[in-house]
Protein backbone atom coordinates (compact mmCIF):
# COMPACT_ATOMS: atom_id res chain seq x y z
CA MET A 1 114.27 -15.32 -85.08
CA ALA A 2 117.32 -14.90 -87.33
CA ASP A 3 119.70 -16.60 -84.89
CA GLU A 4 117.71 -19.85 -84.53
CA TRP A 5 120.32 -21.68 -86.58
CA ARG A 6 122.94 -20.88 -83.94
CA THR A 7 122.58 -23.90 -81.70
CA PRO A 8 125.16 -25.59 -79.49
CA GLU A 9 125.54 -28.17 -82.26
CA THR A 10 126.17 -25.65 -85.05
CA ILE A 11 128.57 -23.70 -82.84
CA ALA A 12 130.48 -26.92 -82.10
CA LEU A 13 130.59 -27.68 -85.84
CA ILE A 14 131.95 -24.24 -86.67
CA ASP A 15 134.55 -24.61 -83.91
CA ALA A 16 135.59 -27.96 -85.39
CA ILE A 17 135.91 -26.45 -88.88
CA LEU A 18 138.09 -23.68 -87.50
CA ARG A 19 140.48 -26.32 -86.18
CA LEU A 20 141.14 -27.93 -89.57
CA ASP A 21 144.81 -27.64 -90.48
CA ASP A 22 144.90 -28.04 -94.25
CA ARG A 23 142.98 -28.93 -97.42
CA ASP A 24 143.46 -32.69 -96.96
CA GLU A 25 142.05 -32.55 -93.44
CA ALA A 26 139.16 -30.36 -94.60
CA GLU A 27 138.37 -32.74 -97.47
CA ARG A 28 138.35 -35.76 -95.16
CA PHE A 29 136.20 -34.02 -92.54
CA LEU A 30 133.67 -32.65 -95.02
CA ARG A 31 133.41 -35.97 -96.88
CA ASP A 32 132.69 -37.79 -93.61
CA LEU A 33 130.25 -35.09 -92.48
CA CYS A 34 128.28 -34.50 -95.70
CA THR A 35 126.63 -36.61 -98.34
CA LEU A 36 127.94 -36.30 -101.88
CA GLY A 37 124.80 -34.35 -102.76
CA GLU A 38 125.35 -31.90 -99.91
CA LEU A 39 128.98 -31.36 -100.96
CA ARG A 40 127.97 -30.86 -104.59
CA ASP A 41 125.23 -28.42 -103.56
CA MET A 42 127.66 -26.38 -101.45
CA GLY A 43 130.22 -26.42 -104.26
CA GLN A 44 127.56 -25.27 -106.70
CA ARG A 45 126.52 -22.42 -104.39
CA TRP A 46 130.13 -21.28 -104.07
CA ALA A 47 130.52 -21.38 -107.87
CA VAL A 48 127.32 -19.32 -108.24
CA VAL A 49 128.58 -16.72 -105.75
CA ARG A 50 131.87 -16.36 -107.61
CA LEU A 51 130.10 -15.97 -110.94
CA LEU A 52 127.65 -13.43 -109.50
CA ASP A 53 130.64 -11.50 -108.19
CA ASP A 54 132.12 -11.60 -111.69
CA GLY A 55 128.94 -9.93 -112.95
CA LEU A 56 127.56 -12.77 -115.05
CA HIS A 57 123.87 -12.85 -115.95
CA TYR A 58 121.69 -15.41 -114.15
CA ALA A 59 121.04 -17.34 -117.37
CA GLU A 60 124.77 -17.74 -118.01
CA ILE A 61 125.39 -18.78 -114.41
CA SER A 62 122.60 -21.36 -114.71
CA LYS A 63 124.12 -22.68 -117.94
CA GLN A 64 127.59 -22.97 -116.41
CA THR A 65 126.63 -24.42 -113.02
CA GLY A 66 123.32 -26.16 -113.56
CA ALA A 67 121.75 -24.12 -110.75
CA SER A 68 118.19 -22.96 -111.28
CA THR A 69 117.54 -19.25 -111.59
CA ALA A 70 115.51 -19.50 -108.36
CA THR A 71 118.59 -20.85 -106.56
CA ILE A 72 120.76 -18.15 -108.12
CA THR A 73 118.28 -15.50 -106.97
CA ARG A 74 118.40 -16.81 -103.39
CA ILE A 75 122.19 -16.89 -103.43
CA ALA A 76 122.33 -13.36 -104.84
CA SER A 77 120.05 -12.21 -102.04
CA TRP A 78 122.37 -13.71 -99.42
CA LEU A 79 125.40 -12.25 -101.20
CA ASN A 80 123.89 -8.78 -101.15
CA HIS A 81 121.81 -8.80 -97.95
CA GLY A 82 122.97 -11.75 -95.85
CA GLU A 83 125.43 -12.06 -92.98
CA GLY A 84 128.37 -10.85 -95.10
CA GLY A 85 130.07 -14.25 -95.15
CA TYR A 86 130.05 -14.65 -98.91
CA ARG A 87 131.52 -11.18 -99.45
CA ARG A 88 134.16 -11.66 -96.79
CA MET A 89 135.31 -14.97 -98.26
CA LEU A 90 135.29 -13.62 -101.82
CA ASP A 91 137.50 -10.75 -100.66
CA LYS A 92 139.83 -13.11 -98.79
CA VAL A 93 140.19 -15.43 -101.78
CA LYS A 94 140.88 -12.51 -104.11
CA SER A 95 143.41 -10.92 -101.77
CA THR A 96 145.40 -14.14 -101.41
CA SER A 97 145.32 -15.21 -105.07
CA GLY A 98 147.00 -12.15 -106.59
CA GLU A 99 145.60 -9.60 -109.02
CA GLY A 100 142.01 -10.58 -108.26
CA SER A 101 142.17 -13.90 -110.07
CA LEU A 102 140.77 -16.97 -108.40
CA PRO A 103 143.02 -19.98 -107.80
CA TYR A 104 140.34 -22.24 -109.35
CA PRO A 105 137.70 -22.01 -112.08
CA ALA A 106 134.57 -20.11 -111.08
CA GLY A 107 132.09 -22.49 -112.69
CA THR A 108 131.87 -25.89 -114.29
CA GLU A 109 130.34 -26.64 -117.67
CA ARG A 110 127.60 -29.24 -117.57
């Protein structure tokens, strides 16, 4: 079932995240919660989403982020057919950063 990930524990985690006040608090919470690998993986996924939204080809996204094309394909599938969370956040970031530019670089050279 699609909602199996929604457990009391994940709901409590989401509720905790919604209570974070600022970037510093979010950084501290996420660093305590996640391993460095998990944080890097999530950061990489977010970079991939932003680059997909910019229309870059998978090979270029892979070159810029280090993500495999299989990972990029999965992320693209979620971007286009998932819960809508990626799209909603992309739209929010664009609407608050002015003229569609992102307040941070979309990818990192490796």
